[in-house]
C-alpha atoms as a PDB file:
ATOM      1  CA  UNK A   1      -1.755 -17.368 -19.569  1.00  0.00           C
ATOM      2  CA  UNK A   2      -2.982 -19.470 -16.668  1.00  0.00           C
ATOM      3  CA  UNK A   3      -3.327 -18.170 -13.119  1.00  0.00           C
ATOM      4  CA  UNK A   4      -0.414 -20.408 -12.038  1.00  0.00           C
ATOM      5  CA  UNK A   5       1.793 -18.970 -14.803  1.00  0.00           C
ATOM      6  CA  UNK A   6       0.836 -15.424 -13.790  1.00  0.00           C
ATOM      7  CA  UNK A   7       1.672 -16.189 -10.156  1.00  0.00           C
ATOM      8  CA  UNK A   8       5.064 -17.642 -11.166  1.00  0.00           C
ATOM      9  CA  UNK A   9       5.789 -14.546 -13.265  1.00  0.00           C
ATOM     10  CA  UNK A  10       4.842 -12.198 -10.384  1.00  0.00           C
ATOM     11  CA  UNK A  11       7.073 -14.144  -7.977  1.00  0.00           C
ATOM     12  CA  UNK A  12      10.010 -13.926 -10.420  1.00  0.00           C
ATOM     13  CA  UNK A  13       9.511 -10.167 -10.842  1.00  0.00           C
ATOM     14  CA  UNK A  14       9.313  -9.721  -7.069  1.00  0.00           C
ATOM     15  CA  UNK A  15      12.532 -11.705  -6.632  1.00  0.00           C
ATOM     16  CA  UNK A  16      14.362  -9.497  -9.147  1.00  0.00           C
ATOM     17  CA  UNK A  17      13.067  -6.336  -7.430  1.00  0.00           C
ATOM     18  CA  UNK A  18      14.181  -7.696  -4.049  1.00  0.00           C
ATOM     19  CA  UNK A  19      17.671  -8.492  -5.362  1.00  0.00           C
ATOM     20  CA  UNK A  20      17.994  -5.022  -6.898  1.00  0.00           C
ATOM     21  CA  UNK A  21      16.870  -3.284  -3.692  1.00  0.00           C
ATOM     22  CA  UNK A  22      19.110  -5.484  -1.549  1.00  0.00           C
ATOM     23  CA  UNK A  23      22.134  -4.702  -3.757  1.00  0.00           C
ATOM     24  CA  UNK A  24      21.384  -0.963  -3.404  1.00  0.00           C
ATOM     25  CA  UNK A  25      21.056  -1.271   0.369  1.00  0.00           C
ATOM     26  CA  UNK A  26      24.333  -3.206   0.749  1.00  0.00           C
ATOM     27  CA  UNK A  27      26.193  -0.676  -1.416  1.00  0.00           C
ATOM     28  CA  UNK A  28      25.337   1.860   1.291  1.00  0.00           C
ATOM     29  CA  UNK A  29      27.050  -0.198   3.984  1.00  0.00           C
ATOM     30  CA  UNK A  30      30.692   0.859   4.200  1.00  0.00           C
ATOM     31  CA  UNK A  31      33.153  -2.010   4.293  1.00  0.00           C
ATOM     32  CA  UNK A  32      36.863  -2.394   4.715  1.00  0.00           C
ATOM     33  CA  UNK A  33      38.781  -3.620   1.675  1.00  0.00           C
ATOM     34  CA  UNK A  34      41.202  -6.546   1.690  1.00  0.00           C
ATOM     35  CA  UNK A  35      43.161  -8.673  -0.734  1.00  0.00           C
ATOM     36  CA  UNK A  36      42.905 -12.377  -0.031  1.00  0.00           C
ATOM     37  CA  UNK A  37      45.903 -14.312  -1.313  1.00  0.00           C
ATOM     38  CA  UNK A  38      46.932 -17.944  -1.478  1.00  0.00           C
ATOM     39  CA  UNK A  39      49.234 -20.353  -3.287  1.00  0.00           C
ATOM     40  CA  UNK A  40      47.816 -23.424  -4.973  1.00  0.00           C
ATOM     41  CA  UNK A  41      49.874 -25.896  -6.975  1.00  0.00           C
ATOM     42  CA  UNK A  42      52.763 -23.423  -7.025  1.00  0.00           C
ATOM     43  CA  UNK A  43      50.730 -20.501  -8.434  1.00  0.00           C
ATOM     44  CA  UNK A  44      49.770 -17.386  -6.473  1.00  0.00           C
ATOM     45  CA  UNK A  45      46.101 -16.380  -6.554  1.00  0.00           C
ATOM     46  CA  UNK A  46      44.385 -13.354  -5.087  1.00  0.00           C
ATOM     47  CA  UNK A  47      41.252 -11.275  -5.158  1.00  0.00           C
ATOM     48  CA  UNK A  48      39.717  -8.121  -3.720  1.00  0.00           C
ATOM     49  CA  UNK A  49      37.071  -8.635  -1.027  1.00  0.00           C
ATOM     50  CA  UNK A  50      34.927  -6.338   1.075  1.00  0.00           C
ATOM     51  CA  UNK A  51      33.250  -8.947   3.273  1.00  0.00           C
ATOM     52  CA  UNK A  52      35.738  -9.906   5.989  1.00  0.00           C
ATOM     53  CA  UNK A  53      34.800 -10.171   9.630  1.00  0.00           C
ATOM     54  CA  UNK A  54      36.265 -11.470  12.840  1.00  0.00           C
ATOM     55  CA  UNK A  55      34.431 -14.588  13.929  1.00  0.00           C
ATOM     56  CA  UNK A  56      35.873 -15.380  17.334  1.00  0.00           C
ATOM     57  CA  UNK A  57      38.828 -14.384  19.520  1.00  0.00           C
ATOM     58  CA  UNK A  58      39.101 -17.815  21.161  1.00  0.00           C
ATOM     59  CA  UNK A  59      40.365 -19.345  19.010  1.00  0.00           C
ATOM     60  CA  UNK A  60      41.257 -16.395  16.768  1.00  0.00           C
ATOM     61  CA  UNK A  61      39.260 -16.864  13.562  1.00  0.00           C
ATOM     62  CA  UNK A  62      37.718 -14.838  10.768  1.00  0.00           C
ATOM     63  CA  UNK A  63      35.266 -15.304   7.928  1.00  0.00           C
ATOM     64  CA  UNK A  64      35.592 -14.149   4.321  1.00  0.00           C
ATOM     65  CA  UNK A  65      32.675 -14.134   1.890  1.00  0.00           C
ATOM     66  CA  UNK A  66      33.788 -15.081  -1.641  1.00  0.00           C
ATOM     67  CA  UNK A  67      31.803 -15.383  -4.850  1.00  0.00           C
ATOM     68  CA  UNK A  68      32.078 -19.029  -5.928  1.00  0.00           C
ATOM     69  CA  UNK A  69      32.381 -17.892  -9.570  1.00  0.00           C
ATOM     70  CA  UNK A  70      35.406 -15.653  -8.866  1.00  0.00           C
ATOM     71  CA  UNK A  71      38.604 -16.731 -10.606  1.00  0.00           C
ATOM     72  CA  UNK A  72      40.461 -17.237  -7.306  1.00  0.00           C
ATOM     73  CA  UNK A  73      37.722 -19.145  -5.475  1.00  0.00           C
ATOM     74  CA  UNK A  74      38.742 -22.692  -6.423  1.00  0.00           C
ATOM     75  CA  UNK A  75      42.366 -22.042  -5.453  1.00  0.00           C
ATOM     76  CA  UNK A  76      41.323 -20.439  -2.139  1.00  0.00           C
ATOM     77  CA  UNK A  77      39.082 -23.383  -1.280  1.00  0.00           C
ATOM     78  CA  UNK A  78      41.583 -26.052  -2.380  1.00  0.00           C
ATOM     79  CA  UNK A  79      44.789 -24.618  -0.932  1.00  0.00           C
ATOM     80  CA  UNK A  80      43.740 -24.963   2.701  1.00  0.00           C
ATOM     81  CA  UNK A  81      45.407 -21.666   3.686  1.00  0.00           C
ATOM     82  CA  UNK A  82      44.947 -18.017   2.812  1.00  0.00           C
ATOM     83  CA  UNK A  83      46.161 -14.565   3.832  1.00  0.00           C
ATOM     84  CA  UNK A  84      43.851 -11.593   4.356  1.00  0.00           C
ATOM     85  CA  UNK A  85      45.755  -8.367   3.619  1.00  0.00           C
ATOM     86  CA  UNK A  86      43.880  -5.347   5.020  1.00  0.00           C
ATOM     87  CA  UNK A  87      44.419  -2.378   2.712  1.00  0.00           C
ATOM     88  CA  UNK A  88      45.246   1.276   3.370  1.00  0.00           C
ATOM     89  CA  UNK A  89      43.901   4.263   1.455  1.00  0.00           C
ATOM     90  CA  UNK A  90      47.064   4.181  -0.675  1.00  0.00           C
ATOM     91  CA  UNK A  91      46.053   0.750  -2.061  1.00  0.00           C
ATOM     92  CA  UNK A  92      42.949   1.799  -4.057  1.00  0.00           C
ATOM     93  CA  UNK A  93      44.656   1.118  -7.410  1.00  0.00           C
ATOM     94  CA  UNK A  94      45.833  -2.261  -6.142  1.00  0.00           C
ATOM     95  CA  UNK A  95      42.304  -3.177  -5.025  1.00  0.00           C
ATOM     96  CA  UNK A  96      41.014  -2.273  -8.493  1.00  0.00           C
ATOM     97  CA  UNK A  97      43.750  -4.311 -10.197  1.00  0.00           C
ATOM     98  CA  UNK A  98      42.953  -7.419  -8.139  1.00  0.00           C
ATOM     99  CA  UNK A  99      39.261  -7.061  -8.961  1.00  0.00           C
ATOM    100  CA  UNK A 100      39.924  -7.239 -12.723  1.00  0.00           C
ATOM    101  CA  UNK A 101      41.630  -9.587 -15.134  1.00  0.00           C
ATOM    102  CA  UNK A 102      44.142 -11.081 -15.569  1.00  0.00           C
ATOM    103  CA  UNK A 103      43.724 -13.706 -12.898  1.00  0.00           C
ATOM    104  CA  UNK A 104      46.268 -15.869 -11.110  1.00  0.00           C
ATOM    105  CA  UNK A 105      49.883 -14.910 -10.621  1.00  0.00           C
ATOM    106  CA  UNK A 106      49.699 -11.982 -13.076  1.00  0.00           C
ATOM    107  CA  UNK A 107      47.807  -9.910 -10.483  1.00  0.00           C
ATOM    108  CA  UNK A 108      50.865  -9.910  -8.227  1.00  0.00           C
ATOM    109  CA  UNK A 109      52.762  -7.685 -10.686  1.00  0.00           C
ATOM    110  CA  UNK A 110      50.884  -4.953  -8.815  1.00  0.00           C
ATOM    111  CA  UNK A 111      52.013  -3.952  -5.323  1.00  0.00           C
ATOM    112  CA  UNK A 112      55.013  -5.055  -3.294  1.00  0.00           C
ATOM    113  CA  UNK A 113      54.695  -8.626  -2.076  1.00  0.00           C
ATOM    114  CA  UNK A 114      56.809 -10.846   0.133  1.00  0.00           C
ATOM    115  CA  UNK A 115      56.500 -14.510   0.980  1.00  0.00           C
ATOM    116  CA  UNK A 116      55.645 -14.952   4.645  1.00  0.00           C
ATOM    117  CA  UNK A 117      56.822 -17.781   6.895  1.00  0.00           C
ATOM    118  CA  UNK A 118      53.599 -19.515   5.856  1.00  0.00           C
ATOM    119  CA  UNK A 119      54.707 -19.497   2.209  1.00  0.00           C
ATOM    120  CA  UNK A 120      51.766 -17.231   1.344  1.00  0.00           C
ATOM    121  CA  UNK A 121      51.929 -13.827  -0.365  1.00  0.00           C
ATOM    122  CA  UNK A 122      51.810 -10.956   2.141  1.00  0.00           C
ATOM    123  CA  UNK A 123      51.415  -7.338   1.045  1.00  0.00           C
ATOM    124  CA  UNK A 124      54.058  -4.864   2.218  1.00  0.00           C
ATOM    125  CA  UNK A 125      52.460  -1.780   3.753  1.00  0.00           C
ATOM    126  CA  UNK A 126      49.148  -3.439   4.625  1.00  0.00           C
ATOM    127  CA  UNK A 127      47.308  -2.428   7.790  1.00  0.00           C
ATOM    128  CA  UNK A 128      47.648  -6.098   8.708  1.00  0.00           C
ATOM    129  CA  UNK A 129      48.263  -9.426   7.004  1.00  0.00           C
ATOM    130  CA  UNK A 130      46.413 -12.310   8.629  1.00  0.00           C
ATOM    131  CA  UNK A 131      47.349 -15.868   7.670  1.00  0.00           C
ATOM    132  CA  UNK A 132      44.617 -18.451   8.211  1.00  0.00           C
ATOM    133  CA  UNK A 133      44.186 -22.179   7.874  1.00  0.00           C
ATOM    134  CA  UNK A 134      40.868 -22.982   6.224  1.00  0.00           C
ATOM    135  CA  UNK A 135      38.678 -24.544   8.893  1.00  0.00           C
ATOM    136  CA  UNK A 136      35.390 -24.802   7.012  1.00  0.00           C
ATOM    137  CA  UNK A 137      33.552 -23.631   3.916  1.00  0.00           C
ATOM    138  CA  UNK A 138      29.838 -22.864   4.008  1.00  0.00           C
ATOM    139  CA  UNK A 139      28.154 -22.399   0.632  1.00  0.00           C
ATOM    140  CA  UNK A 140      25.021 -20.307   0.226  1.00  0.00           C
ATOM    141  CA  UNK A 141      23.673 -19.043  -3.069  1.00  0.00           C
ATOM    142  CA  UNK A 142      26.410 -17.579  -5.242  1.00  0.00           C
ATOM    143  CA  UNK A 143      28.899 -17.239  -2.382  1.00  0.00           C
ATOM    144  CA  UNK A 144      30.846 -19.263   0.135  1.00  0.00           C
ATOM    145  CA  UNK A 145      31.986 -18.313   3.605  1.00  0.00           C
ATOM    146  CA  UNK A 146      35.594 -19.304   4.153  1.00  0.00           C
ATOM    147  CA  UNK A 147      36.158 -19.745   7.867  1.00  0.00           C
ATOM    148  CA  UNK A 148      39.816 -19.386   8.708  1.00  0.00           C
ATOM    149  CA  UNK A 149      41.655 -20.093  11.922  1.00  0.00           C
ATOM    150  CA  UNK A 150      44.365 -17.449  12.413  1.00  0.00           C
ATOM    151  CA  UNK A 151      47.908 -18.858  12.422  1.00  0.00           C
ATOM    152  CA  UNK A 152      50.154 -15.854  11.767  1.00  0.00           C
ATOM    153  CA  UNK A 153      49.810 -12.067  11.975  1.00  0.00           C
ATOM    154  CA  UNK A 154      51.795  -9.112  10.713  1.00  0.00           C
ATOM    155  CA  UNK A 155      50.219  -5.916  12.070  1.00  0.00           C
ATOM    156  CA  UNK A 156      51.515  -2.450  11.157  1.00  0.00           C
ATOM    157  CA  UNK A 157      52.335  -0.642  14.396  1.00  0.00           C
ATOM    158  CA  UNK A 158      51.708   2.870  13.078  1.00  0.00           C
ATOM    159  CA  UNK A 159      48.112   4.010  12.579  1.00  0.00           C
ATOM    160  CA  UNK A 160      47.118   3.876   8.900  1.00  0.00           C
ATOM    161  CA  UNK A 161      43.941   5.061   7.200  1.00  0.00           C
ATOM    162  CA  UNK A 162      42.136   1.903   6.060  1.00  0.00           C
ATOM    163  CA  UNK A 163      40.647   1.681   2.581  1.00  0.00           C
ATOM    164  CA  UNK A 164      36.836   1.714   2.622  1.00  0.00           C
ATOM    165  CA  UNK A 165      34.349   0.789  -0.107  1.00  0.00           C
ATOM    166  CA  UNK A 166      30.975   2.537  -0.220  1.00  0.00           C
ATOM    167  CA  UNK A 167      28.460   3.072  -3.034  1.00  0.00           C
ATOM    168  CA  UNK A 168      30.832   1.712  -5.652  1.00  0.00           C
ATOM    169  CA  UNK A 169      33.724   3.984  -4.658  1.00  0.00           C
ATOM    170  CA  UNK A 170      36.877   3.729  -2.583  1.00  0.00           C
ATOM    171  CA  UNK A 171      37.457   6.119   0.278  1.00  0.00           C
ATOM    172  CA  UNK A 172      39.247   6.297   3.611  1.00  0.00           C
ATOM    173  CA  UNK A 173      38.229   6.435   7.237  1.00  0.00           C
ATOM    174  CA  UNK A 174      39.123   9.386   9.428  1.00  0.00           C
ATOM    175  CA  UNK A 175      38.031   9.527  13.090  1.00  0.00           C
ATOM    176  CA  UNK A 176      35.533  12.211  14.064  1.00  0.00           C
ATOM    177  CA  UNK A 177      37.051  14.862  16.316  1.00  0.00           C
ATOM    178  CA  UNK A 178      35.962  14.569  19.925  1.00  0.00           C
END
């Protein structure tokens, strides 16, 4: 094996080690859990996500990181609108169902859904349902950042324990006592 081939092999092994370590590190970062839903060509689509973040308050906007190989990605990108449903601790089974097959409208057999004024599926009992118009999509590696401008909100007025994902498991957040 030539020196160049050895160097290429070492770089590939280092890249795999880096990816493995990075995955382990990110699994230790707790994240809120949401279901992102949309309607495309008359069919509802949805998926579980753990990478949602506010982007700006003026104008109100958020960003969702979505794997471009996920079954709902094409519909989310093409529809032009989506709803981010922030889950409570009681939605762990629903989050698991939306992370598995079947895809498309069949996922909505789980949970209690209503059609919002936007025409998008909104989850009853969510911490909040945030309807966005897709402003931009930024692709990087296996994922895309969907930047959404907030158009409609339905926020639960009572405090609810949000669903959290950490180290491959669902949990809930409880404030520390003062």
